[in-house]
N, C-alpha and C. Protein backbone atom coordinates (compact mmCIF):
# COMPACT_ATOMS: atom_id res chain seq x y z
N MET A 1 86.32 98.44 98.79
CA MET A 1 87.59 98.32 98.11
C MET A 1 88.11 99.69 97.68
N ALA A 2 87.21 100.59 97.30
CA ALA A 2 87.65 101.92 96.87
C ALA A 2 88.39 102.65 97.99
N ASN A 3 87.96 102.46 99.24
CA ASN A 3 88.65 103.12 100.34
C ASN A 3 90.06 102.57 100.52
N VAL A 4 90.25 101.29 100.28
CA VAL A 4 91.59 100.69 100.34
C VAL A 4 92.46 101.31 99.26
N GLU A 5 91.94 101.42 98.04
CA GLU A 5 92.71 102.01 96.95
C GLU A 5 93.02 103.48 97.23
N THR A 6 92.07 104.21 97.80
CA THR A 6 92.31 105.62 98.14
C THR A 6 93.44 105.75 99.15
N LYS A 7 93.46 104.87 100.15
CA LYS A 7 94.52 104.88 101.16
C LYS A 7 95.86 104.57 100.52
N ILE A 8 95.92 103.53 99.68
CA ILE A 8 97.17 103.16 99.01
C ILE A 8 97.64 104.31 98.12
N GLN A 9 96.70 104.90 97.40
CA GLN A 9 97.04 106.02 96.50
C GLN A 9 97.66 107.17 97.29
N GLN A 10 97.08 107.51 98.42
CA GLN A 10 97.62 108.60 99.24
C GLN A 10 99.01 108.24 99.76
N GLU A 11 99.20 106.99 100.18
CA GLU A 11 100.52 106.56 100.64
C GLU A 11 101.56 106.67 99.54
N ILE A 12 101.18 106.28 98.32
CA ILE A 12 102.09 106.38 97.18
C ILE A 12 102.44 107.84 96.90
N ARG A 13 101.43 108.70 96.88
CA ARG A 13 101.68 110.12 96.61
C ARG A 13 102.62 110.72 97.66
N LEU A 14 102.40 110.37 98.93
CA LEU A 14 103.28 110.87 99.99
C LEU A 14 104.67 110.24 99.91
N GLY A 15 104.72 108.93 99.66
CA GLY A 15 106.01 108.23 99.60
C GLY A 15 106.89 108.69 98.45
N LEU A 16 106.28 108.87 97.28
CA LEU A 16 107.07 109.31 96.12
C LEU A 16 107.23 110.82 96.07
N GLY A 17 106.45 111.53 96.87
CA GLY A 17 106.55 112.99 96.90
C GLY A 17 107.86 113.49 97.48
N MET A 18 108.59 112.61 98.15
CA MET A 18 109.88 112.98 98.74
C MET A 18 110.99 113.00 97.69
N ARG A 19 110.73 112.41 96.53
CA ARG A 19 111.74 112.34 95.48
C ARG A 19 111.77 113.65 94.69
N ASP A 20 112.97 114.08 94.32
CA ASP A 20 113.11 115.29 93.50
C ASP A 20 112.85 115.04 92.03
N ASP A 21 112.96 113.77 91.60
CA ASP A 21 112.88 113.47 90.18
C ASP A 21 111.50 112.99 89.72
N VAL A 22 110.51 112.95 90.62
CA VAL A 22 109.18 112.44 90.27
C VAL A 22 108.11 113.42 90.70
N ARG A 23 107.13 113.66 89.82
CA ARG A 23 105.95 114.47 90.13
C ARG A 23 104.73 113.69 89.68
N LEU A 24 103.81 113.43 90.61
CA LEU A 24 102.59 112.70 90.29
C LEU A 24 101.37 113.53 90.64
N PHE A 25 100.32 113.37 89.84
CA PHE A 25 99.08 114.11 90.03
C PHE A 25 97.91 113.15 89.98
N ARG A 26 96.88 113.44 90.77
CA ARG A 26 95.67 112.63 90.78
C ARG A 26 94.92 112.85 89.48
N ASN A 27 94.51 111.79 88.84
CA ASN A 27 93.74 111.87 87.61
C ASN A 27 92.39 111.21 87.86
N GLN A 28 91.41 112.01 88.16
CA GLN A 28 90.06 111.51 88.39
C GLN A 28 89.34 111.46 87.06
N VAL A 29 88.86 110.30 86.67
CA VAL A 29 88.18 110.13 85.40
C VAL A 29 86.71 109.80 85.68
N GLY A 30 85.84 110.46 84.96
CA GLY A 30 84.42 110.17 85.15
C GLY A 30 83.54 111.03 84.27
N GLN A 31 82.28 111.06 84.65
CA GLN A 31 81.28 111.81 83.88
C GLN A 31 80.19 112.28 84.83
N LEU A 32 79.78 113.54 84.67
CA LEU A 32 78.69 114.12 85.45
C LEU A 32 77.79 114.92 84.51
N PRO A 33 76.52 115.09 84.87
CA PRO A 33 75.65 115.91 84.02
C PRO A 33 75.94 117.40 84.21
N ASP A 34 75.92 118.13 83.11
CA ASP A 34 76.03 119.59 83.17
C ASP A 34 74.78 120.09 83.88
N PRO A 35 74.93 120.89 84.94
CA PRO A 35 73.75 121.33 85.69
C PRO A 35 72.78 122.19 84.88
N ARG A 36 73.26 122.86 83.84
CA ARG A 36 72.38 123.71 83.03
C ARG A 36 71.67 122.95 81.92
N THR A 37 72.41 122.03 81.29
CA THR A 37 71.85 121.36 80.11
C THR A 37 71.48 119.89 80.36
N GLY A 38 72.06 119.31 81.40
CA GLY A 38 71.83 117.90 81.65
C GLY A 38 72.70 116.98 80.81
N ARG A 39 73.44 117.56 79.87
CA ARG A 39 74.32 116.75 79.01
C ARG A 39 75.50 116.22 79.82
N PRO A 40 75.94 115.01 79.50
CA PRO A 40 77.10 114.47 80.22
C PRO A 40 78.38 115.22 79.87
N VAL A 41 79.16 115.51 80.90
CA VAL A 41 80.46 116.16 80.74
C VAL A 41 81.50 115.20 81.29
N GLN A 42 82.44 114.82 80.44
CA GLN A 42 83.49 113.90 80.85
C GLN A 42 84.68 114.68 81.38
N PHE A 43 85.35 114.11 82.36
CA PHE A 43 86.54 114.76 82.91
C PHE A 43 87.62 113.71 83.11
N GLY A 44 88.86 114.16 83.26
CA GLY A 44 90.01 113.28 83.36
C GLY A 44 90.66 113.13 81.99
N LEU A 45 91.78 112.43 81.96
CA LEU A 45 92.53 112.30 80.70
C LEU A 45 91.77 111.50 79.65
N ALA A 46 91.41 110.27 79.98
CA ALA A 46 90.73 109.40 79.02
C ALA A 46 90.23 108.18 79.77
N LYS A 47 89.25 107.51 79.22
CA LYS A 47 88.76 106.27 79.82
C LYS A 47 89.93 105.29 79.92
N GLY A 48 90.11 104.74 81.09
CA GLY A 48 91.20 103.79 81.29
C GLY A 48 92.49 104.42 81.76
N SER A 49 92.59 105.75 81.72
CA SER A 49 93.84 106.38 82.17
C SER A 49 94.03 106.16 83.67
N ALA A 50 95.28 106.17 84.09
CA ALA A 50 95.65 105.78 85.45
C ALA A 50 95.23 106.78 86.51
N ASP A 51 95.22 106.29 87.76
CA ASP A 51 94.86 107.13 88.91
C ASP A 51 95.89 108.22 89.15
N LEU A 52 97.14 107.90 88.96
CA LEU A 52 98.23 108.86 89.17
C LEU A 52 99.03 108.99 87.89
N VAL A 53 99.21 110.21 87.43
CA VAL A 53 100.00 110.46 86.23
C VAL A 53 100.99 111.59 86.52
N GLY A 54 102.05 111.63 85.77
CA GLY A 54 103.05 112.68 85.96
C GLY A 54 104.28 112.37 85.17
N TRP A 55 105.44 112.66 85.78
CA TRP A 55 106.68 112.42 85.07
C TRP A 55 107.81 112.09 86.03
N LYS A 56 108.83 111.48 85.43
CA LYS A 56 110.09 111.22 86.10
C LYS A 56 111.16 111.91 85.27
N THR A 57 111.96 112.75 85.88
CA THR A 57 113.04 113.42 85.16
C THR A 57 114.19 112.44 84.98
N ILE A 58 114.64 112.32 83.75
CA ILE A 58 115.76 111.43 83.46
C ILE A 58 116.86 112.22 82.75
N GLU A 59 118.06 111.74 82.89
CA GLU A 59 119.21 112.39 82.26
C GLU A 59 119.48 111.72 80.92
N ILE A 60 119.55 112.52 79.88
CA ILE A 60 119.89 112.01 78.56
C ILE A 60 121.40 111.78 78.53
N THR A 61 121.82 110.71 77.89
CA THR A 61 123.24 110.38 77.84
C THR A 61 124.03 111.44 77.07
N PRO A 62 125.33 111.54 77.32
CA PRO A 62 126.15 112.57 76.67
C PRO A 62 126.06 112.55 75.15
N ASP A 63 125.92 111.36 74.57
CA ASP A 63 125.81 111.31 73.12
C ASP A 63 124.47 111.84 72.64
N MET A 64 123.59 112.18 73.58
CA MET A 64 122.28 112.75 73.24
C MET A 64 122.18 114.17 73.80
N VAL A 65 123.26 114.89 73.81
CA VAL A 65 123.36 116.31 74.16
C VAL A 65 123.39 116.58 75.66
N GLY A 66 123.12 115.59 76.52
CA GLY A 66 123.19 115.79 77.96
C GLY A 66 122.03 116.56 78.56
N LEU A 67 120.89 116.60 77.91
CA LEU A 67 119.72 117.30 78.44
C LEU A 67 118.91 116.41 79.38
N SER A 68 118.22 117.01 80.33
CA SER A 68 117.27 116.28 81.16
C SER A 68 115.90 116.39 80.51
N VAL A 69 115.16 115.31 80.53
CA VAL A 69 113.82 115.31 79.96
C VAL A 69 112.86 114.65 80.95
N ALA A 70 111.59 114.90 80.74
CA ALA A 70 110.56 114.30 81.58
C ALA A 70 109.99 113.07 80.88
N GLN A 71 110.00 111.94 81.57
CA GLN A 71 109.43 110.71 81.04
C GLN A 71 108.05 110.53 81.68
N PHE A 72 107.03 110.33 80.86
CA PHE A 72 105.66 110.19 81.34
C PHE A 72 105.54 108.98 82.26
N VAL A 73 104.83 109.17 83.38
CA VAL A 73 104.60 108.11 84.36
C VAL A 73 103.10 107.95 84.56
N SER A 74 102.64 106.70 84.59
CA SER A 74 101.22 106.39 84.76
C SER A 74 101.09 105.22 85.73
N LEU A 75 100.56 105.49 86.93
CA LEU A 75 100.41 104.46 87.96
C LEU A 75 98.93 104.21 88.22
N GLU A 76 98.51 102.99 87.99
CA GLU A 76 97.14 102.56 88.31
C GLU A 76 97.20 101.97 89.71
N VAL A 77 96.44 102.53 90.64
CA VAL A 77 96.45 102.08 92.03
C VAL A 77 95.33 101.06 92.22
N LYS A 78 95.68 99.92 92.78
CA LYS A 78 94.71 98.85 93.01
C LYS A 78 94.85 98.32 94.43
N ALA A 79 93.73 97.83 94.96
CA ALA A 79 93.73 97.11 96.23
C ALA A 79 94.51 95.81 96.02
N PRO A 80 94.87 95.13 97.11
CA PRO A 80 95.68 93.92 96.97
C PRO A 80 95.19 92.90 95.94
N LYS A 81 93.90 92.72 95.80
CA LYS A 81 93.39 91.74 94.84
C LYS A 81 92.75 92.39 93.62
N GLY A 82 92.86 93.70 93.50
CA GLY A 82 92.26 94.42 92.38
C GLY A 82 92.92 94.09 91.05
N ARG A 83 92.14 94.10 90.00
CA ARG A 83 92.63 93.82 88.65
C ARG A 83 92.26 94.98 87.73
N PRO A 84 93.10 95.27 86.73
CA PRO A 84 92.79 96.37 85.80
C PRO A 84 91.67 95.99 84.85
N THR A 85 90.92 97.00 84.42
CA THR A 85 89.91 96.79 83.39
C THR A 85 90.62 96.69 82.05
N ALA A 86 89.89 96.30 81.02
CA ALA A 86 90.47 96.21 79.67
C ALA A 86 90.97 97.57 79.22
N SER A 87 90.21 98.64 79.51
CA SER A 87 90.64 99.96 79.07
C SER A 87 91.87 100.43 79.85
N GLN A 88 91.99 100.05 81.11
CA GLN A 88 93.18 100.40 81.89
C GLN A 88 94.41 99.65 81.35
N SER A 89 94.25 98.40 80.99
CA SER A 89 95.36 97.64 80.40
C SER A 89 95.78 98.24 79.07
N ALA A 90 94.81 98.65 78.27
CA ALA A 90 95.12 99.28 76.98
C ALA A 90 95.87 100.59 77.19
N TRP A 91 95.46 101.37 78.18
CA TRP A 91 96.14 102.64 78.49
C TRP A 91 97.61 102.37 78.88
N MET A 92 97.82 101.40 79.77
CA MET A 92 99.19 101.10 80.20
C MET A 92 100.05 100.65 79.03
N SER A 93 99.50 99.83 78.15
CA SER A 93 100.24 99.39 76.96
C SER A 93 100.60 100.56 76.07
N ALA A 94 99.65 101.48 75.88
CA ALA A 94 99.90 102.66 75.04
C ALA A 94 101.02 103.52 75.63
N VAL A 95 101.00 103.71 76.95
CA VAL A 95 102.05 104.52 77.60
C VAL A 95 103.40 103.84 77.43
N GLU A 96 103.47 102.54 77.70
CA GLU A 96 104.74 101.82 77.57
C GLU A 96 105.23 101.79 76.13
N ASN A 97 104.34 101.59 75.17
CA ASN A 97 104.73 101.57 73.76
C ASN A 97 105.26 102.92 73.29
N ALA A 98 104.84 103.99 73.95
CA ALA A 98 105.31 105.33 73.60
C ALA A 98 106.58 105.71 74.36
N GLY A 99 107.11 104.80 75.19
CA GLY A 99 108.34 105.08 75.92
C GLY A 99 108.15 105.55 77.33
N GLY A 100 106.91 105.58 77.82
CA GLY A 100 106.64 105.99 79.18
C GLY A 100 106.74 104.84 80.16
N ILE A 101 106.52 105.14 81.42
CA ILE A 101 106.53 104.16 82.49
C ILE A 101 105.10 103.97 82.95
N ALA A 102 104.64 102.73 83.01
CA ALA A 102 103.28 102.44 83.46
C ALA A 102 103.26 101.16 84.26
N GLY A 103 102.35 101.08 85.21
CA GLY A 103 102.22 99.86 85.97
C GLY A 103 101.12 99.95 87.00
N ILE A 104 100.86 98.81 87.63
CA ILE A 104 99.87 98.72 88.69
C ILE A 104 100.61 98.70 90.02
N ALA A 105 100.22 99.60 90.92
CA ALA A 105 100.86 99.69 92.23
C ALA A 105 99.84 99.39 93.32
N ARG A 106 100.23 98.50 94.22
CA ARG A 106 99.39 98.16 95.37
C ARG A 106 100.03 98.62 96.67
N SER A 107 101.19 99.28 96.55
CA SER A 107 101.92 99.78 97.72
C SER A 107 102.94 100.82 97.26
N VAL A 108 103.49 101.54 98.22
CA VAL A 108 104.55 102.51 97.91
C VAL A 108 105.75 101.77 97.31
N GLU A 109 106.06 100.61 97.86
CA GLU A 109 107.22 99.84 97.37
C GLU A 109 107.03 99.43 95.90
N GLU A 110 105.84 98.98 95.55
CA GLU A 110 105.58 98.63 94.15
C GLU A 110 105.66 99.86 93.26
N ALA A 111 105.15 100.98 93.74
CA ALA A 111 105.22 102.22 92.96
C ALA A 111 106.67 102.62 92.74
N GLN A 112 107.50 102.51 93.78
CA GLN A 112 108.93 102.83 93.65
C GLN A 112 109.58 101.94 92.60
N GLY A 113 109.24 100.65 92.62
CA GLY A 113 109.80 99.72 91.64
C GLY A 113 109.42 100.08 90.22
N ILE A 114 108.17 100.48 90.02
CA ILE A 114 107.71 100.88 88.69
C ILE A 114 108.45 102.13 88.24
N ILE A 115 108.60 103.09 89.13
CA ILE A 115 109.27 104.36 88.81
C ILE A 115 110.73 104.11 88.41
N GLU A 116 111.36 103.12 88.99
CA GLU A 116 112.76 102.84 88.70
C GLU A 116 112.99 102.21 87.35
N GLN A 117 111.93 101.84 86.65
CA GLN A 117 112.08 101.29 85.29
C GLN A 117 112.79 102.34 84.42
N THR A 118 113.59 101.89 83.51
CA THR A 118 114.25 102.80 82.58
C THR A 118 113.87 102.39 81.16
N LYS A 119 113.30 103.31 80.43
CA LYS A 119 112.94 103.05 79.03
C LYS A 119 113.85 103.89 78.16
N ALA A 120 114.45 103.29 77.20
CA ALA A 120 115.34 104.02 76.29
C ALA A 120 114.76 104.00 74.90
């Protein structure tokens, strides 16, 4: 299943990479032992954080000075029948509650749909 998700993730990165208003980065989350001390070293944003994170540039309305800002984007990539873990669901809720865009993408088309969300 991981290979299916890796393929979908690459397709999403390539598909959305053509857009000028979106930038996505791979967020690998995990833990490895420090080779010198053997202590675990964690990497990535946080447990449950999405596979792809970045931003979508949005235009602020004229009554808000007319500036462009970056809206946080968090895409969890899943195989067709994959389901999010509890920590992944909590991460997506936190991003959405803070005004960001978050969702589960199983294809480039689903990722595009998530990106098109507008949070005000």
